[in-house]
Amino acid sequence: MSKHDKLQKITNENGIINALAIDQRGALKRMLGEEASESEMARFKTLVSRELTNDASAILLDPEYGWQAADARHEDAGLLMAYEKTGYDKEVPGRLPDLLDEWSVYRLKEQGADAIKILLYYDVDEEEAINIQKKAFIERVGSECAAVDLPYFLEILTYDSELSDTKGKAFAELKPHKVIESMKEFSAERYQVDVLKIEVPVNMAFVEGYGDEVVYTKEQAAQYFKEQSDATNLPFIFLSAGVSAELFRETLVFAAKAGSKYNGVLCGRATWKGAASAFLEGGEEQALRWLKHEGRENIQDLNETLQDNATPMKGLFS
């Protein structure tokens, strides 16, 4: 199956990516409780996959805990697999990425992956000695994906090397620049990226009318969304960054009205995080009830929002 066919498998019938992300490892363990076992982690992912992929075009999982969940997904849902190790070494400057030791793109494809995802922490203003390592890393993975004709999704999480808090006002002021310039960099042909998985260019908690403190007027925020869309010739999709399901949907509507031509989402915690709390409090049975009701409602509401606001990918790949 060609890269074009694999990309089609990841989109819905309308050419939009409405994918579910549950490749979290360290973060999920914290949500389920530090005492959560590997089998409980795998089981939780399986519940989410089984209950929610009926309404998703694809699911993003990890090879450490995700193969059982991959097998449980709906037959029409595509499979993206994470290829990076979770987190980063806090003792080493630069939040440098690393790959899972026992896997390659070839092996992930062999196991049934329809696409590869890499997460990169990136600060466009960090010293070049650090950023050149990241650029070379992304090039290597791009070459590996191209060699076996597998789509390459690059997820970029921005930060500032001088700030510890990426949720506060100080970073909110820098975020549009960080996000937009990162998109420009990794849209270059040399990286061989097929789809960018990206943050929205503003912190919506600081947009006029959305939070108590204003960093951006609505007009300024809208301009940043348009600049972001114009910054790349690649398809791009939004990540939810752990915000509430309601705020994420409102953000998608805001983006479309601003002229953003985003092609869908890879949505994680905004869809299923309530199930993690239920699992922690009442076990599998309680988590399952949450997924069957609130979880399905979240993803169905998200799909309706995407249908009205996202730009189809049809025709973008030859």
Protein backbone atom coordinates (compact mmCIF):
# COMPACT_ATOMS: atom_id res chain seq x y z
CA MET A 1 0.00 0.00 0.00
CA SER A 2 1.46 3.38 -1.03
CA LYS A 3 1.92 6.44 1.16
CA HIS A 4 -1.05 7.99 -0.64
CA ASP A 5 -3.23 5.01 0.28
CA LYS A 6 -2.03 5.10 3.88
CA LEU A 7 -2.89 8.79 4.16
CA GLN A 8 -6.35 8.12 2.79
CA LYS A 9 -6.79 5.42 5.42
CA ILE A 10 -6.05 7.96 8.16
CA THR A 11 -8.65 10.47 6.91
CA ASN A 12 -12.42 10.10 7.01
CA GLU A 13 -14.72 9.88 3.99
CA ASN A 14 -14.67 13.68 3.72
CA GLY A 15 -10.88 13.94 3.62
CA ILE A 16 -10.55 15.24 7.18
CA ILE A 17 -8.34 13.75 9.90
CA ASN A 18 -10.43 13.18 13.02
CA ALA A 19 -7.91 11.01 14.83
CA LEU A 20 -7.72 9.99 18.46
CA ALA A 21 -4.41 10.30 20.32
CA ILE A 22 -3.55 8.04 23.25
CA ASP A 23 0.19 7.54 22.87
CA GLN A 24 0.80 9.11 26.29
CA ARG A 25 3.03 7.05 28.54
CA GLY A 26 4.50 9.00 31.46
CA ALA A 27 1.58 11.44 31.46
CA LEU A 28 -0.96 8.63 31.39
CA LYS A 29 0.75 6.84 34.27
CA ARG A 30 0.43 10.01 36.33
CA MET A 31 -3.26 10.22 35.41
CA LEU A 32 -3.96 6.59 36.31
CA GLY A 33 -1.82 6.71 39.45
CA GLU A 34 1.89 6.01 39.86
CA GLU A 35 1.06 2.50 41.04
CA ALA A 36 -0.63 1.67 37.71
CA SER A 37 0.89 -1.46 36.19
CA GLU A 38 1.95 -1.94 32.58
CA SER A 39 -1.03 -4.22 32.03
CA GLU A 40 -3.40 -1.55 33.42
CA MET A 41 -1.87 1.04 31.11
CA ALA A 42 -2.37 -1.27 28.14
CA ARG A 43 -5.89 -2.16 29.24
CA PHE A 44 -6.92 1.48 29.58
CA LYS A 45 -5.67 2.26 26.07
CA THR A 46 -7.57 -0.77 24.79
CA LEU A 47 -10.82 0.46 26.35
CA VAL A 48 -10.40 3.88 24.74
CA SER A 49 -9.57 2.34 21.37
CA ARG A 50 -12.46 -0.11 21.40
CA GLU A 51 -15.08 2.42 22.53
CA LEU A 52 -14.07 5.53 20.58
CA THR A 53 -12.54 4.50 17.25
CA ASN A 54 -15.98 3.84 15.76
CA ASP A 55 -16.13 7.62 15.41
CA ALA A 56 -12.45 8.28 14.60
CA SER A 57 -10.58 8.11 11.31
CA ALA A 58 -7.46 6.81 13.06
CA ILE A 59 -5.82 6.29 16.43
CA LEU A 60 -2.33 7.25 17.58
CA LEU A 61 -0.73 4.72 19.94
CA ASP A 62 2.72 3.72 21.19
CA PRO A 63 4.52 0.39 20.73
CA GLU A 64 5.23 0.09 24.46
CA TYR A 65 1.62 -0.26 25.65
CA GLY A 66 -0.46 0.10 22.52
CA TRP A 67 -0.52 -3.08 20.43
CA GLN A 68 -3.50 -4.57 22.27
CA ALA A 69 -5.34 -1.29 21.72
CA ALA A 70 -4.33 -1.32 18.04
CA ASP A 71 -5.95 -4.72 17.64
CA ALA A 72 -9.11 -3.47 19.38
CA ARG A 73 -9.65 -0.48 17.08
CA HIS A 74 -12.50 -0.29 14.58
CA GLU A 75 -11.62 -2.01 11.31
CA ASP A 76 -11.92 1.24 9.34
CA ALA A 77 -9.66 3.26 11.67
CA GLY A 78 -6.08 3.84 10.57
CA LEU A 79 -3.12 3.33 12.90
CA LEU A 80 -0.42 5.88 13.69
CA MET A 81 2.44 4.77 15.93
CA ALA A 82 4.73 6.94 18.02
CA TYR A 83 8.43 6.29 17.40
CA GLU A 84 10.02 8.50 20.06
CA LYS A 85 10.80 7.74 23.68
CA THR A 86 8.46 9.51 26.06
CA GLY A 87 9.69 12.70 27.74
CA TYR A 88 13.28 13.93 27.70
CA ASP A 89 16.36 13.91 29.91
CA LYS A 90 16.03 16.91 32.21
CA GLU A 91 19.72 16.71 33.10
CA VAL A 92 20.70 17.50 29.51
CA PRO A 93 20.00 20.98 28.03
CA GLY A 94 17.69 21.28 25.05
CA ARG A 95 14.94 18.68 25.57
CA LEU A 96 16.63 16.45 22.99
CA PRO A 97 14.57 13.69 21.31
CA ASP A 98 15.42 10.01 21.25
CA LEU A 99 13.99 6.94 19.51
CA LEU A 100 12.66 3.72 21.00
CA ASP A 101 15.55 1.27 21.09
CA GLU A 102 13.72 -1.82 19.85
CA TRP A 103 11.85 -0.28 16.94
CA SER A 104 12.45 1.10 13.47
CA VAL A 105 10.05 2.56 10.93
CA TYR A 106 10.38 -0.70 9.00
CA ARG A 107 9.43 -2.75 12.06
CA LEU A 108 6.48 -0.50 12.91
CA LYS A 109 5.19 -0.79 9.36
CA GLU A 110 5.68 -4.55 9.54
CA GLN A 111 3.45 -4.60 12.64
CA GLY A 112 0.67 -2.72 10.85
CA ALA A 113 1.36 1.00 11.31
CA ASP A 114 -0.18 3.22 8.63
CA ALA A 115 1.95 6.23 9.64
CA ILE A 116 4.74 7.27 12.00
CA LYS A 117 4.57 10.11 14.52
CA ILE A 118 7.52 11.89 16.10
CA LEU A 119 7.17 14.40 18.94
CA LEU A 120 9.72 17.21 18.97
CA TYR A 121 10.14 19.86 21.64
CA TYR A 122 11.39 22.92 19.80
CA ASP A 123 12.43 26.48 20.62
CA VAL A 124 13.29 28.40 17.47
CA ASP A 125 15.35 30.83 19.56
CA GLU A 126 17.50 28.23 21.31
CA GLU A 127 21.19 28.06 20.50
CA GLU A 128 21.91 26.57 17.08
CA ALA A 129 24.17 23.88 18.55
CA ILE A 130 21.05 22.33 20.10
CA ASN A 131 18.64 23.01 17.23
CA ILE A 132 20.94 21.57 14.59
CA GLN A 133 20.84 18.25 16.46
CA LYS A 134 17.04 18.32 16.32
CA LYS A 135 17.00 19.22 12.64
CA ALA A 136 19.33 16.34 11.81
CA PHE A 137 17.19 14.00 13.92
CA ILE A 138 14.02 14.95 12.03
CA GLU A 139 15.85 14.52 8.71
CA ARG A 140 16.94 11.01 9.68
CA VAL A 141 13.42 9.92 10.56
CA GLY A 142 12.14 11.52 7.35
CA SER A 143 14.59 9.46 5.31
CA GLU A 144 13.59 6.32 7.18
CA CYS A 145 9.88 6.93 6.46
CA ALA A 146 10.55 7.74 2.81
CA ALA A 147 12.55 4.53 2.40
CA VAL A 148 9.51 2.37 3.27
CA ASP A 149 6.87 4.76 1.84
CA LEU A 150 5.18 5.46 5.16
CA PRO A 151 3.56 8.82 6.03
CA TYR A 152 5.50 10.98 8.48
CA PHE A 153 3.59 13.05 11.07
CA LEU A 154 5.68 15.55 13.01
CA GLU A 155 4.28 16.86 16.28
CA ILE A 156 5.93 20.08 17.48
CA LEU A 157 5.59 21.32 21.05
CA THR A 158 7.12 24.75 21.50
CA TYR A 159 8.80 26.16 24.57
CA ASP A 160 11.28 28.85 25.59
CA SER A 161 14.59 27.74 27.06
CA GLU A 162 14.52 30.68 29.49
CA LEU A 163 11.00 30.05 30.82
CA SER A 164 9.84 27.09 32.87
CA ASP A 165 6.11 27.81 32.53
CA THR A 166 4.59 27.38 29.06
CA LYS A 167 1.06 28.03 30.37
CA GLY A 168 1.68 31.52 31.76
CA LYS A 169 1.39 35.05 30.37
CA ALA A 170 5.09 35.44 29.59
CA PHE A 171 5.11 32.46 27.24
CA ALA A 172 1.72 33.41 25.80
CA GLU A 173 3.34 36.60 24.52
CA LEU A 174 6.04 34.56 22.76
CA LYS A 175 3.93 31.67 21.55
CA PRO A 176 2.76 32.96 18.14
CA HIS A 177 6.36 33.54 17.08
CA LYS A 178 7.52 30.17 18.43
CA VAL A 179 4.74 28.17 16.76
CA ILE A 180 4.71 29.92 13.39
CA GLU A 181 8.48 29.92 12.93
CA SER A 182 8.67 26.24 13.91
CA MET A 183 6.09 25.43 11.24
CA LYS A 184 8.08 27.34 8.64
CA GLU A 185 11.27 25.47 9.51
CA PHE A 186 9.88 21.95 9.41
CA SER A 187 7.81 22.51 6.29
CA ALA A 188 11.07 22.49 4.32
CA GLU A 189 11.34 19.64 1.82
CA ARG A 190 14.55 18.33 3.37
CA TYR A 191 12.65 16.96 6.40
CA GLN A 192 10.21 14.93 4.23
CA VAL A 193 7.36 15.56 6.68
CA ASP A 194 3.91 14.74 5.30
CA VAL A 195 1.63 16.21 8.00
CA LEU A 196 2.35 18.65 10.82
CA LYS A 197 0.65 18.05 14.16
CA ILE A 198 0.82 21.45 15.75
CA GLU A 199 -0.35 23.68 18.57
CA VAL A 200 -2.71 26.53 17.95
CA PRO A 201 -0.62 29.72 17.73
CA VAL A 202 -2.05 31.40 20.84
CA ASN A 203 -2.96 30.44 24.39
CA MET A 204 -6.74 30.76 24.25
CA ALA A 205 -6.83 31.48 28.00
CA PHE A 206 -5.31 34.87 27.16
CA VAL A 207 -7.55 35.73 24.20
CA GLU A 208 -10.06 38.52 24.75
CA GLY A 209 -13.37 36.98 25.78
CA TYR A 210 -11.87 33.60 26.71
CA GLY A 211 -9.95 34.39 29.90
CA ASP A 212 -9.61 36.94 32.65
CA GLU A 213 -6.29 38.36 31.47
CA VAL A 214 -5.82 39.54 27.89
CA VAL A 215 -2.60 39.13 25.91
CA TYR A 216 -4.27 39.14 22.49
CA THR A 217 -7.40 40.86 21.25
CA LYS A 218 -9.71 38.68 19.19
CA GLU A 219 -8.46 40.44 16.07
CA GLN A 220 -4.83 39.78 16.96
CA ALA A 221 -5.52 36.14 17.74
CA ALA A 222 -7.36 35.72 14.44
CA GLN A 223 -4.41 37.21 12.58
CA TYR A 224 -2.05 34.74 14.22
CA PHE A 225 -4.25 31.82 13.15
CA LYS A 226 -4.19 33.12 9.57
CA GLU A 227 -0.41 33.65 9.67
CA GLN A 228 0.02 30.10 10.96
CA SER A 229 -2.07 28.67 8.15
CA ASP A 230 -0.12 30.66 5.56
CA ALA A 231 3.23 29.57 7.04
CA THR A 232 3.18 26.07 5.53
CA ASN A 233 2.38 24.29 2.30
CA LEU A 234 1.90 21.03 4.21
CA PRO A 235 -1.33 19.65 5.60
CA PHE A 236 -1.54 20.41 9.31
CA ILE A 237 -3.72 19.27 12.16
CA PHE A 238 -4.22 20.61 15.66
CA LEU A 239 -3.42 18.89 18.94
CA SER A 240 -5.65 19.53 21.93
CA ALA A 241 -2.87 20.20 24.48
CA GLY A 242 -5.01 18.93 27.33
CA VAL A 243 -7.63 21.71 27.23
CA SER A 244 -11.29 20.92 27.84
CA ALA A 245 -13.36 19.38 25.06
CA GLU A 246 -15.56 22.47 24.94
CA LEU A 247 -12.67 24.93 24.68
CA PHE A 248 -11.01 22.83 21.99
CA ARG A 249 -14.18 22.88 19.87
CA GLU A 250 -14.52 26.65 20.37
CA THR A 251 -10.90 27.05 19.29
CA LEU A 252 -11.49 25.08 16.09
CA VAL A 253 -14.43 27.31 15.19
CA PHE A 254 -12.38 30.43 15.97
CA ALA A 255 -9.52 29.16 13.78
CA ALA A 256 -11.80 28.50 10.80
CA LYS A 257 -13.42 31.93 11.05
CA ALA A 258 -9.93 33.44 11.09
CA GLY A 259 -9.13 31.74 7.77
CA SER A 260 -7.07 28.81 9.04
CA LYS A 261 -7.07 25.91 6.56
CA TYR A 262 -6.29 23.20 9.10
CA ASN A 263 -7.06 19.64 8.00
CA GLY A 264 -8.31 18.09 11.21
CA VAL A 265 -7.11 17.06 14.64
CA LEU A 266 -5.20 14.44 16.56
CA CYS A 267 -7.08 14.89 19.80
CA GLY A 268 -6.04 13.26 23.04
CA ARG A 269 -6.98 14.19 26.57
CA ALA A 270 -9.72 16.60 25.51
CA THR A 271 -11.65 13.53 24.38
CA TRP A 272 -10.86 10.84 26.99
CA LYS A 273 -9.21 12.29 30.11
CA GLY A 274 -12.40 11.92 32.18
CA ALA A 275 -12.10 8.17 31.66
CA ALA A 276 -8.67 8.21 33.31
CA SER A 277 -10.15 9.80 36.43
CA ALA A 278 -12.97 7.25 36.37
CA PHE A 279 -10.46 4.40 36.01
CA LEU A 280 -8.46 5.70 38.95
CA GLU A 281 -11.54 6.08 41.15
CA GLY A 282 -13.64 3.08 40.15
CA GLY A 283 -11.65 0.82 37.89
CA GLU A 284 -12.40 -0.52 34.44
CA GLU A 285 -16.18 -0.68 34.82
CA GLN A 286 -16.48 2.99 35.74
CA ALA A 287 -14.08 4.05 32.98
CA LEU A 288 -16.09 2.05 30.47
CA ARG A 289 -19.33 3.80 31.48
CA TRP A 290 -17.64 7.18 31.05
CA LEU A 291 -16.31 6.26 27.60
CA LYS A 292 -19.67 4.96 26.39
CA HIS A 293 -21.39 8.21 27.32
CA GLU A 294 -19.20 11.30 27.85
CA GLY A 295 -16.35 9.97 25.70
CA ARG A 296 -18.52 9.18 22.71
CA GLU A 297 -20.34 12.47 23.10
CA ASN A 298 -17.02 14.33 23.13
CA ILE A 299 -15.77 12.73 19.93
CA GLN A 300 -19.10 13.01 18.13
CA ASP A 301 -19.36 16.70 19.02
CA LEU A 302 -15.78 17.16 17.83
CA ASN A 303 -16.60 15.46 14.53
CA GLU A 304 -19.53 17.82 13.97
CA THR A 305 -17.25 20.79 14.60
CA LEU A 306 -14.64 19.46 12.17
CA GLN A 307 -17.24 18.76 9.50
CA ASP A 308 -18.26 22.41 9.52
CA ASN A 309 -14.83 23.99 9.98
CA ALA A 310 -11.87 21.85 8.85
CA THR A 311 -10.47 21.85 5.31
CA PRO A 312 -10.48 18.46 3.54
CA MET A 313 -7.14 16.95 2.52
CA LYS A 314 -8.49 15.61 -0.77
CA GLY A 315 -6.25 16.51 -3.67
CA LEU A 316 -3.30 17.48 -1.47
CA PHE A 317 -1.35 14.29 -2.27
CA SER A 318 -0.63 12.86 -5.68
